[in-house]
Amino acid sequence: MIKNICIYCNNDIKSNNLKKELIGKLEKNKYKIVNDNEDLGIAIGGDGAFLRMIKQTNFNSDIFYIGVNTGTLGFAQEVNASDIDDFIEKLNTNSYKTEYISALEIEINANNKKEKLFALNDVTIRDSELNTTKLNIEIDDHKLEKFVGDGILISTSFGSTAYNLSFGGAVICNSLHTTQITPIAPLNSKSYRNLLNSIVIPQDSIICVNPEENKDNLIITVDGENKFYDNVKSITMYVKDKRIKMLRGQEYNFIDKVNEKFLKFEFRFFTIII
């Protein structure tokens, strides 16, 4: 039963106005608005707002998440700003289904220290000064390649429609709990041979990235947040058991969502008065 709700909101006029409206309607329907220990987290904004909510709640597997779109694309957002009443009605009648989304677990070994991070969308690995990046990549202790290029991007299935898509990576259904390695401007010549396309890795497989010596100062970008690391020995990534629970309408279909957000063309007629 969902009773306690926390709202995570973008700081813009449209989002704040919608937040006030939503709070009023939720309280009228006997829901309690809280600042922590919620049953449901609601992100008001675009996809960035949704990512910030997940991070602020430390990828909590015990609560539900949903987004209300006041941004532009809003691929992660389930509810349109104009459909608040319908959203609350579905909440009252328990008409939502649950979709489990896998998070990418990341272990960074740098300067003889280990750091554990999570990503909902992706991780990008590049040279700290944006020079050519040289990375040895292994999958389950088997050598994949010695990558040479601008960098690599490792995305979850959920993140396949984010930054990954900009580099020509594959779109993966959320229900497939995979990781995907997508090269960023790989070099191919007589000296270097690299994969030019993405490779999709199954659940539980471990991706290990080892930078070459003298190329171990890196920018590691986790869900859009840049961090600089010196003397990186290894970066290990995998999708296993860490998942979040998203509320989806009964009518939700991933293919419909892809069509709506990326392929559907809306013709708008403009009248020019001279």
C-alpha atoms as a PDB file:
ATOM      1  CA  MET A   1       0.000   0.000   0.000  1.00  0.00           C
ATOM      2  CA  ILE A   2       1.324   3.398  -0.977  1.00  0.00           C
ATOM      3  CA  LYS A   3       0.565   6.052   1.624  1.00  0.00           C
ATOM      4  CA  ASN A   4       3.706   8.147   2.122  1.00  0.00           C
ATOM      5  CA  ILE A   5       4.928  10.078  -0.914  1.00  0.00           C
ATOM      6  CA  CYS A   6       8.033  12.216  -1.416  1.00  0.00           C
ATOM      7  CA  ILE A   7       8.192  14.642  -4.336  1.00  0.00           C
ATOM      8  CA  TYR A   8      11.467  15.522  -6.067  1.00  0.00           C
ATOM      9  CA  CYS A   9      11.001  18.597  -8.227  1.00  0.00           C
ATOM     10  CA  ASN A  10      12.961  20.652 -10.722  1.00  0.00           C
ATOM     11  CA  ASN A  11      13.414  24.275  -9.692  1.00  0.00           C
ATOM     12  CA  ASP A  12      11.496  25.942 -12.512  1.00  0.00           C
ATOM     13  CA  ILE A  13       8.129  27.682 -12.622  1.00  0.00           C
ATOM     14  CA  LYS A  14       6.263  24.961 -14.525  1.00  0.00           C
ATOM     15  CA  SER A  15       7.520  22.156 -12.286  1.00  0.00           C
ATOM     16  CA  ASN A  16       6.918  24.078  -9.027  1.00  0.00           C
ATOM     17  CA  ASN A  17       3.375  25.009 -10.053  1.00  0.00           C
ATOM     18  CA  LEU A  18       2.642  21.397 -10.880  1.00  0.00           C
ATOM     19  CA  LYS A  19       4.140  20.305  -7.567  1.00  0.00           C
ATOM     20  CA  LYS A  20       1.708  22.561  -5.646  1.00  0.00           C
ATOM     21  CA  GLU A  21      -1.219  21.219  -7.661  1.00  0.00           C
ATOM     22  CA  LEU A  22      -0.109  17.615  -7.191  1.00  0.00           C
ATOM     23  CA  ILE A  23       0.407  17.980  -3.431  1.00  0.00           C
ATOM     24  CA  GLY A  24      -3.067  19.449  -3.022  1.00  0.00           C
ATOM     25  CA  LYS A  25      -4.710  16.613  -4.922  1.00  0.00           C
ATOM     26  CA  LEU A  26      -2.676  13.898  -3.212  1.00  0.00           C
ATOM     27  CA  GLU A  27      -3.513  15.239   0.251  1.00  0.00           C
ATOM     28  CA  LYS A  28      -7.176  15.469  -0.732  1.00  0.00           C
ATOM     29  CA  ASN A  29      -6.966  11.750  -1.522  1.00  0.00           C
ATOM     30  CA  LYS A  30      -5.509  10.991   1.948  1.00  0.00           C
ATOM     31  CA  TYR A  31      -1.872  10.564   0.906  1.00  0.00           C
ATOM     32  CA  LYS A  32       0.817  11.909   3.218  1.00  0.00           C
ATOM     33  CA  ILE A  33       3.592  14.079   1.758  1.00  0.00           C
ATOM     34  CA  VAL A  34       6.912  13.302   3.488  1.00  0.00           C
ATOM     35  CA  ASN A  35      10.590  14.192   3.127  1.00  0.00           C
ATOM     36  CA  ASP A  36      11.942  10.685   3.705  1.00  0.00           C
ATOM     37  CA  ASN A  37      10.911   7.082   4.409  1.00  0.00           C
ATOM     38  CA  GLU A  38       8.475   7.260   1.519  1.00  0.00           C
ATOM     39  CA  ASP A  39       6.611   4.427  -0.162  1.00  0.00           C
ATOM     40  CA  LEU A  40       6.683   6.267  -3.487  1.00  0.00           C
ATOM     41  CA  GLY A  41       9.051   8.834  -4.955  1.00  0.00           C
ATOM     42  CA  ILE A  42       7.718  11.165  -7.650  1.00  0.00           C
ATOM     43  CA  ALA A  43      10.102  13.137  -9.869  1.00  0.00           C
ATOM     44  CA  ILE A  44       8.664  16.257 -11.508  1.00  0.00           C
ATOM     45  CA  GLY A  45      10.751  17.465 -14.448  1.00  0.00           C
ATOM     46  CA  GLY A  46      12.559  15.662 -17.239  1.00  0.00           C
ATOM     47  CA  ASP A  47      14.792  12.607 -17.326  1.00  0.00           C
ATOM     48  CA  GLY A  48      17.451  14.459 -15.326  1.00  0.00           C
ATOM     49  CA  ALA A  49      15.005  14.964 -12.468  1.00  0.00           C
ATOM     50  CA  PHE A  50      14.266  11.247 -12.459  1.00  0.00           C
ATOM     51  CA  LEU A  51      17.976  10.369 -12.297  1.00  0.00           C
ATOM     52  CA  ARG A  52      18.538  12.833  -9.440  1.00  0.00           C
ATOM     53  CA  MET A  53      15.668  11.276  -7.472  1.00  0.00           C
ATOM     54  CA  ILE A  54      17.141   7.786  -7.849  1.00  0.00           C
ATOM     55  CA  LYS A  55      20.554   9.020  -6.744  1.00  0.00           C
ATOM     56  CA  GLN A  56      19.206  10.986  -3.760  1.00  0.00           C
ATOM     57  CA  THR A  57      17.398   7.888  -2.525  1.00  0.00           C
ATOM     58  CA  ASN A  58      20.510   5.728  -3.014  1.00  0.00           C
ATOM     59  CA  PHE A  59      18.843   3.436  -5.555  1.00  0.00           C
ATOM     60  CA  ASN A  60      16.415   2.240  -2.888  1.00  0.00           C
ATOM     61  CA  SER A  61      14.977  -1.138  -3.890  1.00  0.00           C
ATOM     62  CA  ASP A  62      12.234  -0.989  -1.250  1.00  0.00           C
ATOM     63  CA  ILE A  63      10.242   1.957  -2.617  1.00  0.00           C
ATOM     64  CA  PHE A  64       8.429   2.673  -5.873  1.00  0.00           C
ATOM     65  CA  TYR A  65       9.374   5.386  -8.357  1.00  0.00           C
ATOM     66  CA  ILE A  66       7.477   7.312 -10.998  1.00  0.00           C
ATOM     67  CA  GLY A  67       8.069  10.488 -12.992  1.00  0.00           C
ATOM     68  CA  VAL A  68       5.832  13.347 -14.128  1.00  0.00           C
ATOM     69  CA  ASN A  69       7.152  15.010 -17.277  1.00  0.00           C
ATOM     70  CA  THR A  70       7.516  18.785 -17.420  1.00  0.00           C
ATOM     71  CA  GLY A  71      10.710  18.604 -19.463  1.00  0.00           C
ATOM     72  CA  THR A  72      11.373  17.938 -23.145  1.00  0.00           C
ATOM     73  CA  LEU A  73      11.935  14.265 -23.970  1.00  0.00           C
ATOM     74  CA  GLY A  74      10.861  12.629 -20.711  1.00  0.00           C
ATOM     75  CA  PHE A  75      11.598   9.039 -21.723  1.00  0.00           C
ATOM     76  CA  ALA A  76      11.865   7.952 -18.099  1.00  0.00           C
ATOM     77  CA  GLN A  77       8.749   9.852 -17.081  1.00  0.00           C
ATOM     78  CA  GLU A  78       5.538   7.837 -17.011  1.00  0.00           C
ATOM     79  CA  VAL A  79       2.971  10.600 -16.470  1.00  0.00           C
ATOM     80  CA  ASN A  80       2.304  13.658 -18.622  1.00  0.00           C
ATOM     81  CA  ALA A  81       1.750  16.941 -16.797  1.00  0.00           C
ATOM     82  CA  SER A  82      -1.837  17.066 -18.102  1.00  0.00           C
ATOM     83  CA  ASP A  83      -2.717  13.621 -16.714  1.00  0.00           C
ATOM     84  CA  ILE A  84      -2.417  14.226 -12.962  1.00  0.00           C
ATOM     85  CA  ASP A  85      -6.033  13.314 -12.204  1.00  0.00           C
ATOM     86  CA  ASP A  86      -5.731  10.063 -14.136  1.00  0.00           C
ATOM     87  CA  PHE A  87      -2.469   9.286 -12.310  1.00  0.00           C
ATOM     88  CA  ILE A  88      -4.095   9.697  -8.891  1.00  0.00           C
ATOM     89  CA  GLU A  89      -7.113   7.620  -9.946  1.00  0.00           C
ATOM     90  CA  LYS A  90      -4.811   4.783 -10.980  1.00  0.00           C
ATOM     91  CA  LEU A  91      -2.930   5.147  -7.704  1.00  0.00           C
ATOM     92  CA  ASN A  92      -6.194   4.924  -5.742  1.00  0.00           C
ATOM     93  CA  THR A  93      -7.314   1.795  -7.593  1.00  0.00           C
ATOM     94  CA  ASN A  94      -3.882   0.146  -7.615  1.00  0.00           C
ATOM     95  CA  SER A  95      -3.986   0.064 -11.410  1.00  0.00           C
ATOM     96  CA  TYR A  96      -0.249   0.302 -11.936  1.00  0.00           C
ATOM     97  CA  LYS A  97       2.109  -2.544 -12.709  1.00  0.00           C
ATOM     98  CA  THR A  98       5.715  -2.777 -11.526  1.00  0.00           C
ATOM     99  CA  GLU A  99       8.702  -2.791 -13.850  1.00  0.00           C
ATOM    100  CA  TYR A 100      12.076  -3.755 -12.413  1.00  0.00           C
ATOM    101  CA  ILE A 101      14.996  -1.718 -13.748  1.00  0.00           C
ATOM    102  CA  SER A 102      18.578  -2.898 -13.294  1.00  0.00           C
ATOM    103  CA  ALA A 103      21.288  -0.580 -12.035  1.00  0.00           C
ATOM    104  CA  LEU A 104      24.910  -0.807 -13.130  1.00  0.00           C
ATOM    105  CA  GLU A 105      27.288  -1.509 -10.256  1.00  0.00           C
ATOM    106  CA  ILE A 106      30.724   0.081 -10.604  1.00  0.00           C
ATOM    107  CA  GLU A 107      33.910  -0.534  -8.630  1.00  0.00           C
ATOM    108  CA  ILE A 108      36.772   1.899  -9.256  1.00  0.00           C
ATOM    109  CA  ASN A 109      40.265   1.055  -8.043  1.00  0.00           C
ATOM    110  CA  ALA A 110      42.365   4.240  -8.101  1.00  0.00           C
ATOM    111  CA  ASN A 111      45.198   5.523  -5.914  1.00  0.00           C
ATOM    112  CA  ASN A 112      45.053   2.250  -3.966  1.00  0.00           C
ATOM    113  CA  LYS A 113      41.475   3.008  -2.916  1.00  0.00           C
ATOM    114  CA  LYS A 114      38.267   1.333  -4.009  1.00  0.00           C
ATOM    115  CA  GLU A 115      35.024   3.196  -4.597  1.00  0.00           C
ATOM    116  CA  LYS A 116      31.590   1.656  -5.190  1.00  0.00           C
ATOM    117  CA  LEU A 117      29.063   3.547  -7.345  1.00  0.00           C
ATOM    118  CA  PHE A 118      25.763   2.891  -9.079  1.00  0.00           C
ATOM    119  CA  ALA A 119      24.454   4.119 -12.421  1.00  0.00           C
ATOM    120  CA  LEU A 120      20.935   3.904 -13.764  1.00  0.00           C
ATOM    121  CA  ASN A 121      21.868   4.975 -17.296  1.00  0.00           C
ATOM    122  CA  ASP A 122      25.554   4.770 -18.113  1.00  0.00           C
ATOM    123  CA  VAL A 123      29.247   5.248 -17.424  1.00  0.00           C
ATOM    124  CA  THR A 124      31.630   7.012 -19.802  1.00  0.00           C
ATOM    125  CA  ILE A 125      35.397   6.519 -19.549  1.00  0.00           C
ATOM    126  CA  ARG A 126      37.748   9.017 -21.210  1.00  0.00           C
ATOM    127  CA  ASP A 127      41.252  10.417 -20.853  1.00  0.00           C
ATOM    128  CA  SER A 128      41.352  13.216 -18.269  1.00  0.00           C
ATOM    129  CA  GLU A 129      42.671  15.700 -20.840  1.00  0.00           C
ATOM    130  CA  LEU A 130      40.452  14.298 -23.610  1.00  0.00           C
ATOM    131  CA  ASN A 131      43.418  12.871 -25.468  1.00  0.00           C
ATOM    132  CA  THR A 132      43.409   9.410 -27.026  1.00  0.00           C
ATOM    133  CA  THR A 133      42.217   6.850 -24.507  1.00  0.00           C
ATOM    134  CA  LYS A 134      43.846   3.412 -24.353  1.00  0.00           C
ATOM    135  CA  LEU A 135      41.911   0.771 -22.463  1.00  0.00           C
ATOM    136  CA  ASN A 136      42.241  -2.994 -22.128  1.00  0.00           C
ATOM    137  CA  ILE A 137      38.731  -4.448 -21.935  1.00  0.00           C
ATOM    138  CA  GLU A 138      37.917  -7.914 -20.584  1.00  0.00           C
ATOM    139  CA  ILE A 139      34.599  -9.744 -20.240  1.00  0.00           C
ATOM    140  CA  ASP A 140      34.561 -12.456 -17.562  1.00  0.00           C
ATOM    141  CA  ASP A 141      38.385 -12.589 -17.666  1.00  0.00           C
ATOM    142  CA  HIS A 142      38.416 -13.017 -21.463  1.00  0.00           C
ATOM    143  CA  LYS A 143      40.121 -10.314 -23.504  1.00  0.00           C
ATOM    144  CA  LEU A 144      37.735  -8.404 -25.735  1.00  0.00           C
ATOM    145  CA  GLU A 145      40.022  -5.732 -27.164  1.00  0.00           C
ATOM    146  CA  LYS A 146      42.660  -3.137 -26.580  1.00  0.00           C
ATOM    147  CA  PHE A 147      40.550  -0.073 -27.222  1.00  0.00           C
ATOM    148  CA  VAL A 148      42.089   3.064 -28.698  1.00  0.00           C
ATOM    149  CA  GLY A 149      39.901   6.082 -29.340  1.00  0.00           C
ATOM    150  CA  ASP A 150      38.065   8.913 -27.609  1.00  0.00           C
ATOM    151  CA  GLY A 151      36.537   6.661 -24.961  1.00  0.00           C
ATOM    152  CA  ILE A 152      33.928   4.022 -24.234  1.00  0.00           C
ATOM    153  CA  LEU A 153      30.410   4.133 -22.876  1.00  0.00           C
ATOM    154  CA  ILE A 154      28.881   1.325 -20.811  1.00  0.00           C
ATOM    155  CA  SER A 155      25.107   1.551 -20.548  1.00  0.00           C
ATOM    156  CA  THR A 156      22.308  -0.399 -18.930  1.00  0.00           C
ATOM    157  CA  SER A 157      19.247  -1.495 -20.885  1.00  0.00           C
ATOM    158  CA  PHE A 158      17.399   1.440 -19.348  1.00  0.00           C
ATOM    159  CA  GLY A 159      20.192   3.782 -20.420  1.00  0.00           C
ATOM    160  CA  SER A 160      20.344   2.428 -23.965  1.00  0.00           C
ATOM    161  CA  THR A 161      17.993   5.210 -25.104  1.00  0.00           C
ATOM    162  CA  ALA A 162      20.087   7.943 -23.464  1.00  0.00           C
ATOM    163  CA  TYR A 163      23.681   8.966 -24.323  1.00  0.00           C
ATOM    164  CA  ASN A 164      24.272   5.527 -25.844  1.00  0.00           C
ATOM    165  CA  LEU A 165      21.816   6.282 -28.626  1.00  0.00           C
ATOM    166  CA  SER A 166      23.824   9.356 -29.671  1.00  0.00           C
ATOM    167  CA  PHE A 167      26.794   7.119 -30.515  1.00  0.00           C
ATOM    168  CA  GLY A 168      24.739   4.660 -32.556  1.00  0.00           C
ATOM    169  CA  GLY A 169      24.316   2.094 -29.789  1.00  0.00           C
ATOM    170  CA  ALA A 170      21.488  -0.430 -29.791  1.00  0.00           C
ATOM    171  CA  VAL A 171      18.112   0.216 -28.165  1.00  0.00           C
ATOM    172  CA  ILE A 172      17.503  -2.518 -25.577  1.00  0.00           C
ATOM    173  CA  CYS A 173      14.155  -3.313 -23.936  1.00  0.00           C
ATOM    174  CA  ASN A 174      14.098  -2.505 -20.217  1.00  0.00           C
ATOM    175  CA  SER A 175      13.049  -6.064 -19.381  1.00  0.00           C
ATOM    176  CA  LEU A 176      16.408  -7.367 -20.636  1.00  0.00           C
ATOM    177  CA  HIS A 177      18.883  -6.797 -17.814  1.00  0.00           C
ATOM    178  CA  THR A 178      22.012  -6.291 -19.887  1.00  0.00           C
ATOM    179  CA  THR A 179      25.027  -4.023 -20.220  1.00  0.00           C
ATOM    180  CA  GLN A 180      26.245  -2.580 -23.504  1.00  0.00           C
ATOM    181  CA  ILE A 181      29.711  -1.386 -24.475  1.00  0.00           C
ATOM    182  CA  THR A 182      29.636   1.347 -27.110  1.00  0.00           C
ATOM    183  CA  PRO A 183      32.849   2.776 -28.588  1.00  0.00           C
ATOM    184  CA  ILE A 184      33.306   6.535 -28.866  1.00  0.00           C
ATOM    185  CA  ALA A 185      35.278   7.457 -32.006  1.00  0.00           C
ATOM    186  CA  PRO A 186      37.413   4.287 -32.133  1.00  0.00           C
ATOM    187  CA  LEU A 187      40.621   4.359 -34.171  1.00  0.00           C
ATOM    188  CA  ASN A 188      41.023   1.855 -36.965  1.00  0.00           C
ATOM    189  CA  SER A 189      44.240   1.759 -38.981  1.00  0.00           C
ATOM    190  CA  LYS A 190      47.233  -0.477 -39.683  1.00  0.00           C
ATOM    191  CA  SER A 191      48.250   0.058 -36.063  1.00  0.00           C
ATOM    192  CA  TYR A 192      44.892  -0.279 -34.279  1.00  0.00           C
ATOM    193  CA  ARG A 193      41.888  -2.540 -34.679  1.00  0.00           C
ATOM    194  CA  ASN A 194      38.759  -1.805 -32.659  1.00  0.00           C
ATOM    195  CA  LEU A 195      35.133  -2.810 -32.663  1.00  0.00           C
ATOM    196  CA  LEU A 196      33.166  -0.159 -34.498  1.00  0.00           C
ATOM    197  CA  ASN A 197      29.798  -1.210 -33.085  1.00  0.00           C
ATOM    198  CA  SER A 198      28.285  -1.878 -29.697  1.00  0.00           C
ATOM    199  CA  ILE A 199      28.487  -5.241 -28.001  1.00  0.00           C
ATOM    200  CA  VAL A 200      25.709  -6.357 -25.628  1.00  0.00           C
ATOM    201  CA  ILE A 201      26.756  -8.255 -22.506  1.00  0.00           C
ATOM    202  CA  PRO A 202      24.373 -10.556 -20.584  1.00  0.00           C
ATOM    203  CA  GLN A 203      23.364 -10.159 -16.960  1.00  0.00           C
ATOM    204  CA  ASP A 204      25.958 -11.221 -14.352  1.00  0.00           C
ATOM    205  CA  SER A 205      28.889 -10.914 -16.771  1.00  0.00           C
ATOM    206  CA  ILE A 206      31.700  -8.752 -15.440  1.00  0.00           C
ATOM    207  CA  ILE A 207      33.265  -6.020 -17.555  1.00  0.00           C
ATOM    208  CA  CYS A 208      36.775  -5.062 -16.471  1.00  0.00           C
ATOM    209  CA  VAL A 209      38.524  -2.014 -17.916  1.00  0.00           C
ATOM    210  CA  ASN A 210      42.257  -1.546 -17.310  1.00  0.00           C
ATOM    211  CA  PRO A 211      43.883   1.630 -18.637  1.00  0.00           C
ATOM    212  CA  GLU A 212      47.392   1.426 -20.008  1.00  0.00           C
ATOM    213  CA  GLU A 213      50.218   2.884 -17.949  1.00  0.00           C
ATOM    214  CA  ASN A 214      50.670   6.602 -18.531  1.00  0.00           C
ATOM    215  CA  LYS A 215      47.013   6.648 -19.639  1.00  0.00           C
ATOM    216  CA  ASP A 216      45.540   6.011 -16.207  1.00  0.00           C
ATOM    217  CA  ASN A 217      44.293   9.524 -15.398  1.00  0.00           C
ATOM    218  CA  LEU A 218      40.669   9.405 -16.404  1.00  0.00           C
ATOM    219  CA  ILE A 219      37.343  11.215 -16.433  1.00  0.00           C
ATOM    220  CA  ILE A 220      34.690   8.741 -15.353  1.00  0.00           C
ATOM    221  CA  THR A 221      31.195  10.089 -15.948  1.00  0.00           C
ATOM    222  CA  VAL A 222      28.409   8.349 -14.032  1.00  0.00           C
ATOM    223  CA  ASP A 223      24.893   9.307 -15.123  1.00  0.00           C
ATOM    224  CA  GLY A 224      26.148  12.660 -16.356  1.00  0.00           C
ATOM    225  CA  GLU A 225      28.304  13.513 -13.330  1.00  0.00           C
ATOM    226  CA  ASN A 226      32.014  13.909 -14.112  1.00  0.00           C
ATOM    227  CA  LYS A 227      34.679  12.704 -11.700  1.00  0.00           C
ATOM    228  CA  PHE A 228      38.437  12.865 -12.214  1.00  0.00           C
ATOM    229  CA  TYR A 229      40.575   9.923 -11.087  1.00  0.00           C
ATOM    230  CA  ASP A 230      44.362   9.582 -10.990  1.00  0.00           C
ATOM    231  CA  ASN A 231      46.322   6.341 -11.210  1.00  0.00           C
ATOM    232  CA  VAL A 232      43.331   4.187 -12.121  1.00  0.00           C
ATOM    233  CA  LYS A 233      44.189   0.500 -11.923  1.00  0.00           C
ATOM    234  CA  SER A 234      40.849  -0.981 -12.906  1.00  0.00           C
ATOM    235  CA  ILE A 235      37.154  -0.287 -13.355  1.00  0.00           C
ATOM    236  CA  THR A 236      34.822  -3.222 -12.860  1.00  0.00           C
ATOM    237  CA  MET A 237      31.167  -3.065 -13.916  1.00  0.00           C
ATOM    238  CA  TYR A 238      28.265  -5.496 -13.873  1.00  0.00           C
ATOM    239  CA  VAL A 239      24.490  -5.820 -13.687  1.00  0.00           C
ATOM    240  CA  LYS A 240      23.402  -8.364 -11.091  1.00  0.00           C
ATOM    241  CA  ASP A 241      20.847  -8.000  -8.329  1.00  0.00           C
ATOM    242  CA  LYS A 242      20.530  -4.225  -7.788  1.00  0.00           C
ATOM    243  CA  ARG A 243      17.163  -3.096  -9.133  1.00  0.00           C
ATOM    244  CA  ILE A 244      14.631  -0.337  -8.637  1.00  0.00           C
ATOM    245  CA  LYS A 245      10.852  -0.577  -8.928  1.00  0.00           C
ATOM    246  CA  MET A 246       9.095   1.724 -11.386  1.00  0.00           C
ATOM    247  CA  LEU A 247       5.342   2.165 -11.583  1.00  0.00           C
ATOM    248  CA  ARG A 248       3.976   1.720 -15.090  1.00  0.00           C
ATOM    249  CA  GLY A 249       0.455   2.062 -16.425  1.00  0.00           C
ATOM    250  CA  GLN A 250      -1.201  -1.191 -17.479  1.00  0.00           C
ATOM    251  CA  GLU A 251      -1.106   0.081 -21.055  1.00  0.00           C
ATOM    252  CA  TYR A 252       2.657   0.783 -20.974  1.00  0.00           C
ATOM    253  CA  ASN A 253       4.593  -0.762 -23.845  1.00  0.00           C
ATOM    254  CA  PHE A 254       8.298  -0.162 -24.478  1.00  0.00           C
ATOM    255  CA  ILE A 255       7.949  -0.210 -28.278  1.00  0.00           C
ATOM    256  CA  ASP A 256       5.141   2.353 -28.116  1.00  0.00           C
ATOM    257  CA  LYS A 257       7.364   4.528 -25.933  1.00  0.00           C
ATOM    258  CA  VAL A 258      10.248   4.379 -28.405  1.00  0.00           C
ATOM    259  CA  ASN A 259       7.907   5.270 -31.253  1.00  0.00           C
ATOM    260  CA  GLU A 260       6.342   8.158 -29.333  1.00  0.00           C
ATOM    261  CA  LYS A 261       9.575   9.712 -28.095  1.00  0.00           C
ATOM    262  CA  PHE A 262      11.922   9.131 -31.022  1.00  0.00           C
ATOM    263  CA  LEU A 263      10.008   8.353 -34.200  1.00  0.00           C
ATOM    264  CA  LYS A 264       6.576   9.927 -34.089  1.00  0.00           C
ATOM    265  CA  PHE A 265       6.486  13.061 -36.215  1.00  0.00           C
ATOM    266  CA  GLU A 266       4.203  15.890 -35.189  1.00  0.00           C
ATOM    267  CA  PHE A 267       3.446  18.275 -38.038  1.00  0.00           C
ATOM    268  CA  ARG A 268       2.794  21.785 -36.850  1.00  0.00           C
ATOM    269  CA  PHE A 269       1.286  24.369 -39.165  1.00  0.00           C
ATOM    270  CA  PHE A 270       2.551  27.889 -38.775  1.00  0.00           C
ATOM    271  CA  THR A 271       0.876  30.872 -40.382  1.00  0.00           C
ATOM    272  CA  ILE A 272       3.202  33.662 -41.432  1.00  0.00           C
ATOM    273  CA  ILE A 273       1.585  37.082 -41.675  1.00  0.00           C
ATOM    274  CA  ILE A 274       3.383  39.615 -43.809  1.00  0.00           C
END
